[in-house]
Amino acid sequence: MSRIARNIVGTVGVLAICELVGRSGLVNPKFLPPPSIIGARLVEMFNDRGFSLDLTQSLLSWAMALALAVGLAVPIGIVFGSMPLVRSAFSIVVEFVRPIPSVALIPLAAIVIKTNPEVKISLAAFAAVWPILFNTMHAMADIEPVQINTARAFNVGRVRTLFSVKLPSITPFVFTGIRISASVALIVLISTEILAGGGRDSEELWERGGLGTYVATMSGATRMDVAIAATFVAGLFGVIVNMIFTRIQRRWINWSDGDRGR
């Protein structure tokens, strides 16, 4: 069987088991509805303007957070990887800040930043920075000296060496870090929306609470079928994003496996 066929068989099998459990009476369908009911709610939700606004805001916030993380982590990683003295000077600060859970910073971020979209974008970017930063930093430090020495032998300048030798060498690893950070940013974004909340009644895009707030609101209203359906949408988006990044990496960044994530 092909990989796609195996995935389809496995998914259908899991859904069938969940349907049987939900219909058997072993669990309360009010709290764990079968997939057929969740599927019906999905159709209803995509016809709901409020859900569409929440979903759109979450996706845009995720894209902004990931772009911000890439814009910060790649240059810093290049500097740290190529300048050991700079890396040593900031190593204690980096190792102190890196383990801090992003959701633990929600109260501080809410006080400093105040507006809901900027809070969750900032926290998601903070969480997404680290995989990209460390992959970039270690990839720069591990470039084969032969490549650099060859460029020097041909009197290639530092700027040209950076763009023609170093960046192509680290690109697979940077892209692997971005692929990991894409999932991390989505997880932190939805978690922040659930914990921090946001507006639910406004028809303005950036005044909505996002997909996480939608899930929290439906859970509080004991609409578990709708909450699970919205959670399914978030998971589906994560799967699609990972598939897209994997396909891009295999198609256009294929001179290294790029899977040696650090």
C-alpha atoms as a PDB file:
ATOM      1  CA  MET A   1       0.000   0.000   0.000  1.00  0.00           C
ATOM      2  CA  SER A   2       1.141   3.518  -0.714  1.00  0.00           C
ATOM      3  CA  ARG A   3       1.773   5.951   2.111  1.00  0.00           C
ATOM      4  CA  ILE A   4      -1.369   7.932   1.275  1.00  0.00           C
ATOM      5  CA  ALA A   5      -3.485   4.774   1.281  1.00  0.00           C
ATOM      6  CA  ARG A   6      -2.098   3.724   4.667  1.00  0.00           C
ATOM      7  CA  ASN A   7      -2.854   7.169   6.088  1.00  0.00           C
ATOM      8  CA  ILE A   8      -6.410   7.020   4.774  1.00  0.00           C
ATOM      9  CA  VAL A   9      -6.970   3.520   6.168  1.00  0.00           C
ATOM     10  CA  GLY A  10      -5.588   4.523   9.565  1.00  0.00           C
ATOM     11  CA  THR A  11      -7.666   7.705   9.729  1.00  0.00           C
ATOM     12  CA  VAL A  12     -10.869   5.929   8.694  1.00  0.00           C
ATOM     13  CA  GLY A  13     -10.166   3.210  11.267  1.00  0.00           C
ATOM     14  CA  VAL A  14      -9.746   5.705  14.100  1.00  0.00           C
ATOM     15  CA  LEU A  15     -12.911   7.577  13.084  1.00  0.00           C
ATOM     16  CA  ALA A  16     -14.860   4.304  12.925  1.00  0.00           C
ATOM     17  CA  ILE A  17     -13.720   3.334  16.434  1.00  0.00           C
ATOM     18  CA  CYS A  18     -14.633   6.786  17.777  1.00  0.00           C
ATOM     19  CA  GLU A  19     -18.043   6.532  16.104  1.00  0.00           C
ATOM     20  CA  LEU A  20     -18.709   3.135  17.664  1.00  0.00           C
ATOM     21  CA  VAL A  21     -17.633   4.333  21.109  1.00  0.00           C
ATOM     22  CA  GLY A  22     -19.749   7.474  20.803  1.00  0.00           C
ATOM     23  CA  ARG A  23     -22.834   5.513  19.721  1.00  0.00           C
ATOM     24  CA  SER A  24     -22.401   2.630  22.171  1.00  0.00           C
ATOM     25  CA  GLY A  25     -23.305   4.574  25.299  1.00  0.00           C
ATOM     26  CA  LEU A  26     -19.949   3.912  26.963  1.00  0.00           C
ATOM     27  CA  VAL A  27     -19.405   7.663  27.139  1.00  0.00           C
ATOM     28  CA  ASN A  28     -21.785  10.579  27.369  1.00  0.00           C
ATOM     29  CA  PRO A  29     -22.241  11.871  23.778  1.00  0.00           C
ATOM     30  CA  LYS A  30     -22.799  15.339  25.219  1.00  0.00           C
ATOM     31  CA  PHE A  31     -19.155  15.470  26.274  1.00  0.00           C
ATOM     32  CA  LEU A  32     -17.613  13.171  23.644  1.00  0.00           C
ATOM     33  CA  PRO A  33     -19.838  13.252  20.553  1.00  0.00           C
ATOM     34  CA  PRO A  34     -19.229  10.807  17.670  1.00  0.00           C
ATOM     35  CA  PRO A  35     -17.403  12.012  14.535  1.00  0.00           C
ATOM     36  CA  SER A  36     -20.625  12.109  12.490  1.00  0.00           C
ATOM     37  CA  ILE A  37     -22.030  14.832  14.765  1.00  0.00           C
ATOM     38  CA  ILE A  38     -18.721  16.706  14.770  1.00  0.00           C
ATOM     39  CA  GLY A  39     -18.685  16.587  10.954  1.00  0.00           C
ATOM     40  CA  ALA A  40     -22.156  18.110  10.824  1.00  0.00           C
ATOM     41  CA  ARG A  41     -21.036  20.894  13.152  1.00  0.00           C
ATOM     42  CA  LEU A  42     -18.036  21.570  10.913  1.00  0.00           C
ATOM     43  CA  VAL A  43     -20.352  22.250   7.986  1.00  0.00           C
ATOM     44  CA  GLU A  44     -22.430  24.615  10.121  1.00  0.00           C
ATOM     45  CA  MET A  45     -19.371  26.419  11.459  1.00  0.00           C
ATOM     46  CA  PHE A  46     -17.961  27.248   8.040  1.00  0.00           C
ATOM     47  CA  ASN A  47     -21.275  28.940   7.240  1.00  0.00           C
ATOM     48  CA  ASP A  48     -20.960  31.027  10.411  1.00  0.00           C
ATOM     49  CA  ARG A  49     -19.415  34.461   9.839  1.00  0.00           C
ATOM     50  CA  GLY A  50     -18.203  34.701  13.448  1.00  0.00           C
ATOM     51  CA  PHE A  51     -16.243  31.451  13.176  1.00  0.00           C
ATOM     52  CA  SER A  52     -14.786  32.528   9.827  1.00  0.00           C
ATOM     53  CA  LEU A  53     -13.562  35.792  11.381  1.00  0.00           C
ATOM     54  CA  ASP A  54     -12.023  33.963  14.337  1.00  0.00           C
ATOM     55  CA  LEU A  55     -10.299  31.464  12.051  1.00  0.00           C
ATOM     56  CA  THR A  56      -9.016  34.186   9.729  1.00  0.00           C
ATOM     57  CA  GLN A  57      -7.626  36.201  12.612  1.00  0.00           C
ATOM     58  CA  SER A  58      -5.811  33.179  14.037  1.00  0.00           C
ATOM     59  CA  LEU A  59      -4.279  32.287  10.673  1.00  0.00           C
ATOM     60  CA  LEU A  60      -3.117  35.849  10.030  1.00  0.00           C
ATOM     61  CA  SER A  61      -1.709  36.113  13.562  1.00  0.00           C
ATOM     62  CA  TRP A  62       0.125  32.806  13.088  1.00  0.00           C
ATOM     63  CA  ALA A  63       1.652  33.982   9.796  1.00  0.00           C
ATOM     64  CA  MET A  64       2.782  37.261  11.387  1.00  0.00           C
ATOM     65  CA  ALA A  65       4.288  35.481  14.384  1.00  0.00           C
ATOM     66  CA  LEU A  66       6.206  33.029  12.196  1.00  0.00           C
ATOM     67  CA  ALA A  67       7.465  35.809   9.914  1.00  0.00           C
ATOM     68  CA  LEU A  68       8.592  37.812  12.960  1.00  0.00           C
ATOM     69  CA  ALA A  69      10.379  34.766  14.392  1.00  0.00           C
ATOM     70  CA  VAL A  70      12.207  34.128  11.108  1.00  0.00           C
ATOM     71  CA  GLY A  71      13.168  37.781  10.772  1.00  0.00           C
ATOM     72  CA  LEU A  72      14.695  37.784  14.251  1.00  0.00           C
ATOM     73  CA  ALA A  73      16.147  34.279  14.577  1.00  0.00           C
ATOM     74  CA  VAL A  74      17.963  33.903  11.246  1.00  0.00           C
ATOM     75  CA  PRO A  75      20.156  37.054  11.493  1.00  0.00           C
ATOM     76  CA  ILE A  76      20.897  36.435  15.176  1.00  0.00           C
ATOM     77  CA  GLY A  77      21.687  32.783  14.467  1.00  0.00           C
ATOM     78  CA  ILE A  78      24.075  33.768  11.683  1.00  0.00           C
ATOM     79  CA  VAL A  79      25.873  36.191  14.004  1.00  0.00           C
ATOM     80  CA  PHE A  80      26.058  33.699  16.884  1.00  0.00           C
ATOM     81  CA  GLY A  81      27.194  30.881  14.605  1.00  0.00           C
ATOM     82  CA  SER A  82      29.941  32.867  12.904  1.00  0.00           C
ATOM     83  CA  MET A  83      31.174  34.805  15.964  1.00  0.00           C
ATOM     84  CA  PRO A  84      31.920  32.477  18.905  1.00  0.00           C
ATOM     85  CA  LEU A  85      32.822  35.392  21.193  1.00  0.00           C
ATOM     86  CA  VAL A  86      29.416  37.007  20.682  1.00  0.00           C
ATOM     87  CA  ARG A  87      27.693  33.666  21.228  1.00  0.00           C
ATOM     88  CA  SER A  88      29.604  33.128  24.488  1.00  0.00           C
ATOM     89  CA  ALA A  89      28.750  36.635  25.689  1.00  0.00           C
ATOM     90  CA  PHE A  90      25.007  36.052  25.310  1.00  0.00           C
ATOM     91  CA  SER A  91      24.856  32.314  26.074  1.00  0.00           C
ATOM     92  CA  ILE A  92      23.754  32.755  29.698  1.00  0.00           C
ATOM     93  CA  VAL A  93      20.951  35.138  28.704  1.00  0.00           C
ATOM     94  CA  VAL A  94      19.750  32.827  25.932  1.00  0.00           C
ATOM     95  CA  GLU A  95      19.804  29.725  28.143  1.00  0.00           C
ATOM     96  CA  PHE A  96      17.925  31.611  30.868  1.00  0.00           C
ATOM     97  CA  VAL A  97      15.178  32.962  28.616  1.00  0.00           C
ATOM     98  CA  ARG A  98      14.706  29.924  26.356  1.00  0.00           C
ATOM     99  CA  PRO A  99      13.072  27.542  28.916  1.00  0.00           C
ATOM    100  CA  ILE A 100      10.465  30.102  30.017  1.00  0.00           C
ATOM    101  CA  PRO A 101       7.004  28.867  28.909  1.00  0.00           C
ATOM    102  CA  SER A 102       5.370  31.378  26.605  1.00  0.00           C
ATOM    103  CA  VAL A 103       1.964  31.028  28.257  1.00  0.00           C
ATOM    104  CA  ALA A 104       3.529  31.966  31.597  1.00  0.00           C
ATOM    105  CA  LEU A 105       4.272  35.373  30.096  1.00  0.00           C
ATOM    106  CA  ILE A 106       0.630  36.101  29.246  1.00  0.00           C
ATOM    107  CA  PRO A 107      -0.015  38.377  32.297  1.00  0.00           C
ATOM    108  CA  LEU A 108       3.198  40.343  31.705  1.00  0.00           C
ATOM    109  CA  ALA A 109       2.556  40.621  27.970  1.00  0.00           C
ATOM    110  CA  ALA A 110      -1.031  41.734  28.586  1.00  0.00           C
ATOM    111  CA  ILE A 111       0.198  44.526  30.861  1.00  0.00           C
ATOM    112  CA  VAL A 112       3.025  45.680  28.594  1.00  0.00           C
ATOM    113  CA  ILE A 113       1.389  45.243  25.181  1.00  0.00           C
ATOM    114  CA  LYS A 114      -2.266  45.521  26.273  1.00  0.00           C
ATOM    115  CA  THR A 115      -4.015  44.738  22.953  1.00  0.00           C
ATOM    116  CA  ASN A 116      -5.034  41.128  22.317  1.00  0.00           C
ATOM    117  CA  PRO A 117      -3.670  40.510  18.779  1.00  0.00           C
ATOM    118  CA  GLU A 118      -0.225  41.889  19.604  1.00  0.00           C
ATOM    119  CA  VAL A 119      -0.043  39.822  22.800  1.00  0.00           C
ATOM    120  CA  LYS A 120      -0.604  36.479  21.118  1.00  0.00           C
ATOM    121  CA  ILE A 121       1.541  37.350  18.094  1.00  0.00           C
ATOM    122  CA  SER A 122       4.430  38.349  20.373  1.00  0.00           C
ATOM    123  CA  LEU A 123       4.192  35.231  22.525  1.00  0.00           C
ATOM    124  CA  ALA A 124       3.898  32.918  19.514  1.00  0.00           C
ATOM    125  CA  ALA A 125       6.913  34.603  17.924  1.00  0.00           C
ATOM    126  CA  PHE A 126       8.853  34.262  21.192  1.00  0.00           C
ATOM    127  CA  ALA A 127       8.189  30.510  21.253  1.00  0.00           C
ATOM    128  CA  ALA A 128       8.933  30.075  17.539  1.00  0.00           C
ATOM    129  CA  VAL A 129      12.282  31.869  17.648  1.00  0.00           C
ATOM    130  CA  TRP A 130      14.243  29.132  19.397  1.00  0.00           C
ATOM    131  CA  PRO A 131      14.143  26.208  16.926  1.00  0.00           C
ATOM    132  CA  ILE A 132      15.098  28.549  14.075  1.00  0.00           C
ATOM    133  CA  LEU A 133      17.791  30.296  16.114  1.00  0.00           C
ATOM    134  CA  PHE A 134      19.527  27.125  17.278  1.00  0.00           C
ATOM    135  CA  ASN A 135      19.309  25.377  13.912  1.00  0.00           C
ATOM    136  CA  THR A 136      20.786  28.448  12.223  1.00  0.00           C
ATOM    137  CA  MET A 137      23.468  28.933  14.839  1.00  0.00           C
ATOM    138  CA  HIS A 138      24.697  25.333  14.847  1.00  0.00           C
ATOM    139  CA  ALA A 139      24.474  25.039  11.062  1.00  0.00           C
ATOM    140  CA  MET A 140      26.700  28.118  10.705  1.00  0.00           C
ATOM    141  CA  ALA A 141      29.203  26.718  13.197  1.00  0.00           C
ATOM    142  CA  ASP A 142      29.297  23.327  11.419  1.00  0.00           C
ATOM    143  CA  ILE A 143      29.964  24.533   7.868  1.00  0.00           C
ATOM    144  CA  GLU A 144      32.799  22.518   6.362  1.00  0.00           C
ATOM    145  CA  PRO A 145      36.041  24.567   6.538  1.00  0.00           C
ATOM    146  CA  VAL A 146      36.941  23.305   3.067  1.00  0.00           C
ATOM    147  CA  GLN A 147      34.108  25.368   1.590  1.00  0.00           C
ATOM    148  CA  ILE A 148      35.286  28.562   3.299  1.00  0.00           C
ATOM    149  CA  ASN A 149      38.944  27.935   2.456  1.00  0.00           C
ATOM    150  CA  THR A 150      38.067  27.277  -1.179  1.00  0.00           C
ATOM    151  CA  ALA A 151      36.228  30.595  -1.381  1.00  0.00           C
ATOM    152  CA  ARG A 152      39.208  32.365   0.169  1.00  0.00           C
ATOM    153  CA  ALA A 153      41.561  30.678  -2.295  1.00  0.00           C
ATOM    154  CA  PHE A 154      39.580  32.283  -5.119  1.00  0.00           C
ATOM    155  CA  ASN A 155      39.696  35.677  -3.364  1.00  0.00           C
ATOM    156  CA  VAL A 156      35.946  35.702  -2.743  1.00  0.00           C
ATOM    157  CA  GLY A 157      34.924  38.519  -0.404  1.00  0.00           C
ATOM    158  CA  ARG A 158      33.133  38.013   2.902  1.00  0.00           C
ATOM    159  CA  VAL A 159      29.761  39.243   1.673  1.00  0.00           C
ATOM    160  CA  ARG A 160      29.832  37.044  -1.407  1.00  0.00           C
ATOM    161  CA  THR A 161      31.039  34.082   0.677  1.00  0.00           C
ATOM    162  CA  LEU A 162      28.074  34.602   2.979  1.00  0.00           C
ATOM    163  CA  PHE A 163      25.525  34.583   0.170  1.00  0.00           C
ATOM    164  CA  SER A 164      27.130  32.015  -2.140  1.00  0.00           C
ATOM    165  CA  VAL A 165      28.631  29.541   0.347  1.00  0.00           C
ATOM    166  CA  LYS A 166      27.308  29.907   3.887  1.00  0.00           C
ATOM    167  CA  LEU A 167      23.616  30.633   3.314  1.00  0.00           C
ATOM    168  CA  PRO A 168      23.122  27.760   0.806  1.00  0.00           C
ATOM    169  CA  SER A 169      24.847  25.425   3.286  1.00  0.00           C
ATOM    170  CA  ILE A 170      22.615  26.331   6.219  1.00  0.00           C
ATOM    171  CA  THR A 171      19.333  26.726   4.302  1.00  0.00           C
ATOM    172  CA  PRO A 172      18.125  23.101   4.800  1.00  0.00           C
ATOM    173  CA  PHE A 173      18.653  23.346   8.538  1.00  0.00           C
ATOM    174  CA  VAL A 174      17.094  26.788   8.794  1.00  0.00           C
ATOM    175  CA  PHE A 175      14.071  25.507   6.905  1.00  0.00           C
ATOM    176  CA  THR A 176      13.798  22.531   9.255  1.00  0.00           C
ATOM    177  CA  GLY A 177      13.763  24.975  12.154  1.00  0.00           C
ATOM    178  CA  ILE A 178      11.039  27.006  10.439  1.00  0.00           C
ATOM    179  CA  ARG A 179       8.979  23.858   9.922  1.00  0.00           C
ATOM    180  CA  ILE A 180       9.229  23.028  13.626  1.00  0.00           C
ATOM    181  CA  SER A 181       8.529  26.612  14.634  1.00  0.00           C
ATOM    182  CA  ALA A 182       5.401  26.715  12.474  1.00  0.00           C
ATOM    183  CA  SER A 183       3.814  24.051  14.687  1.00  0.00           C
ATOM    184  CA  VAL A 184       5.129  25.623  17.885  1.00  0.00           C
ATOM    185  CA  ALA A 185       3.738  29.038  16.928  1.00  0.00           C
ATOM    186  CA  LEU A 186       0.309  27.560  16.205  1.00  0.00           C
ATOM    187  CA  ILE A 187       0.206  25.718  19.543  1.00  0.00           C
ATOM    188  CA  VAL A 188       1.212  28.798  21.552  1.00  0.00           C
ATOM    189  CA  LEU A 189      -1.135  31.052  19.591  1.00  0.00           C
ATOM    190  CA  ILE A 190      -4.205  28.880  20.230  1.00  0.00           C
ATOM    191  CA  SER A 191      -3.186  28.385  23.879  1.00  0.00           C
ATOM    192  CA  THR A 192      -2.839  32.138  24.371  1.00  0.00           C
ATOM    193  CA  GLU A 193      -6.238  32.730  22.782  1.00  0.00           C
ATOM    194  CA  ILE A 194      -7.805  30.185  25.144  1.00  0.00           C
ATOM    195  CA  LEU A 195      -6.176  31.621  28.276  1.00  0.00           C
ATOM    196  CA  ALA A 196      -6.161  35.328  27.451  1.00  0.00           C
ATOM    197  CA  GLY A 197      -9.549  35.453  25.754  1.00  0.00           C
ATOM    198  CA  GLY A 198     -10.749  38.312  23.610  1.00  0.00           C
ATOM    199  CA  GLY A 199     -13.776  39.880  21.994  1.00  0.00           C
ATOM    200  CA  ARG A 200     -16.556  37.601  20.769  1.00  0.00           C
ATOM    201  CA  ASP A 201     -19.340  39.942  19.613  1.00  0.00           C
ATOM    202  CA  SER A 202     -17.496  42.362  17.354  1.00  0.00           C
ATOM    203  CA  GLU A 203     -17.693  42.008  13.585  1.00  0.00           C
ATOM    204  CA  GLU A 204     -14.270  43.660  13.188  1.00  0.00           C
ATOM    205  CA  LEU A 205     -11.545  41.132  12.310  1.00  0.00           C
ATOM    206  CA  TRP A 206      -8.876  42.287  14.762  1.00  0.00           C
ATOM    207  CA  GLU A 207     -11.362  42.700  17.611  1.00  0.00           C
ATOM    208  CA  ARG A 208     -12.235  39.000  17.567  1.00  0.00           C
ATOM    209  CA  GLY A 209     -10.713  36.562  20.036  1.00  0.00           C
ATOM    210  CA  GLY A 210      -9.495  34.002  17.514  1.00  0.00           C
ATOM    211  CA  LEU A 211      -9.980  30.264  17.179  1.00  0.00           C
ATOM    212  CA  GLY A 212      -8.786  29.523  20.721  1.00  0.00           C
ATOM    213  CA  THR A 213     -11.343  31.898  22.219  1.00  0.00           C
ATOM    214  CA  TYR A 214     -14.011  30.259  20.077  1.00  0.00           C
ATOM    215  CA  VAL A 215     -13.058  26.844  21.500  1.00  0.00           C
ATOM    216  CA  ALA A 216     -13.011  28.171  25.089  1.00  0.00           C
ATOM    217  CA  THR A 217     -16.389  29.871  24.666  1.00  0.00           C
ATOM    218  CA  MET A 218     -18.032  26.770  23.238  1.00  0.00           C
ATOM    219  CA  SER A 219     -16.517  24.584  25.974  1.00  0.00           C
ATOM    220  CA  GLY A 220     -17.847  26.939  28.636  1.00  0.00           C
ATOM    221  CA  ALA A 221     -21.253  26.808  26.996  1.00  0.00           C
ATOM    222  CA  THR A 222     -21.048  22.967  27.094  1.00  0.00           C
ATOM    223  CA  ARG A 223     -21.136  22.837  23.293  1.00  0.00           C
ATOM    224  CA  MET A 224     -18.464  20.188  23.178  1.00  0.00           C
ATOM    225  CA  ASP A 225     -19.367  19.122  19.653  1.00  0.00           C
ATOM    226  CA  VAL A 226     -18.614  22.640  18.379  1.00  0.00           C
ATOM    227  CA  ALA A 227     -15.502  22.967  20.559  1.00  0.00           C
ATOM    228  CA  ILE A 228     -14.095  19.655  19.291  1.00  0.00           C
ATOM    229  CA  ALA A 229     -14.934  20.601  15.704  1.00  0.00           C
ATOM    230  CA  ALA A 230     -13.023  23.893  16.095  1.00  0.00           C
ATOM    231  CA  THR A 231     -10.104  22.011  17.658  1.00  0.00           C
ATOM    232  CA  PHE A 232     -10.163  19.653  14.685  1.00  0.00           C
ATOM    233  CA  VAL A 233      -9.849  22.652  12.358  1.00  0.00           C
ATOM    234  CA  ALA A 234      -6.751  23.833  14.230  1.00  0.00           C
ATOM    235  CA  GLY A 235      -5.193  20.371  14.026  1.00  0.00           C
ATOM    236  CA  LEU A 236      -6.038  20.076  10.335  1.00  0.00           C
ATOM    237  CA  PHE A 237      -4.388  23.411   9.646  1.00  0.00           C
ATOM    238  CA  GLY A 238      -1.239  22.217  11.443  1.00  0.00           C
ATOM    239  CA  VAL A 239      -1.129  19.061   9.327  1.00  0.00           C
ATOM    240  CA  ILE A 240      -1.587  21.024   6.096  1.00  0.00           C
ATOM    241  CA  VAL A 241       1.129  23.512   7.016  1.00  0.00           C
ATOM    242  CA  ASN A 242       3.585  20.711   7.831  1.00  0.00           C
ATOM    243  CA  MET A 243       2.793  18.966   4.533  1.00  0.00           C
ATOM    244  CA  ILE A 244       3.364  22.177   2.581  1.00  0.00           C
ATOM    245  CA  PHE A 245       6.689  22.874   4.273  1.00  0.00           C
ATOM    246  CA  THR A 246       7.816  19.268   3.782  1.00  0.00           C
ATOM    247  CA  ARG A 247       6.927  19.372   0.080  1.00  0.00           C
ATOM    248  CA  ILE A 248       8.771  22.683  -0.382  1.00  0.00           C
ATOM    249  CA  GLN A 249      11.826  21.322   1.390  1.00  0.00           C
ATOM    250  CA  ARG A 250      11.936  18.175  -0.732  1.00  0.00           C
ATOM    251  CA  ARG A 251      11.286  20.040  -3.978  1.00  0.00           C
ATOM    252  CA  TRP A 252      13.447  23.153  -3.747  1.00  0.00           C
ATOM    253  CA  ILE A 253      15.870  22.498  -0.865  1.00  0.00           C
ATOM    254  CA  ASN A 254      16.984  19.019  -1.837  1.00  0.00           C
ATOM    255  CA  TRP A 255      20.785  19.287  -1.683  1.00  0.00           C
ATOM    256  CA  SER A 256      20.707  18.108   1.952  1.00  0.00           C
ATOM    257  CA  ASP A 257      18.271  16.002   3.937  1.00  0.00           C
ATOM    258  CA  GLY A 258      17.662  19.004   6.211  1.00  0.00           C
ATOM    259  CA  ASP A 259      16.227  16.711   8.846  1.00  0.00           C
ATOM    260  CA  ARG A 260      19.069  16.860  11.328  1.00  0.00           C
ATOM    261  CA  GLY A 261      17.148  19.180  13.589  1.00  0.00           C
ATOM    262  CA  ARG A 262      19.046  20.246  16.615  1.00  0.00           C
END
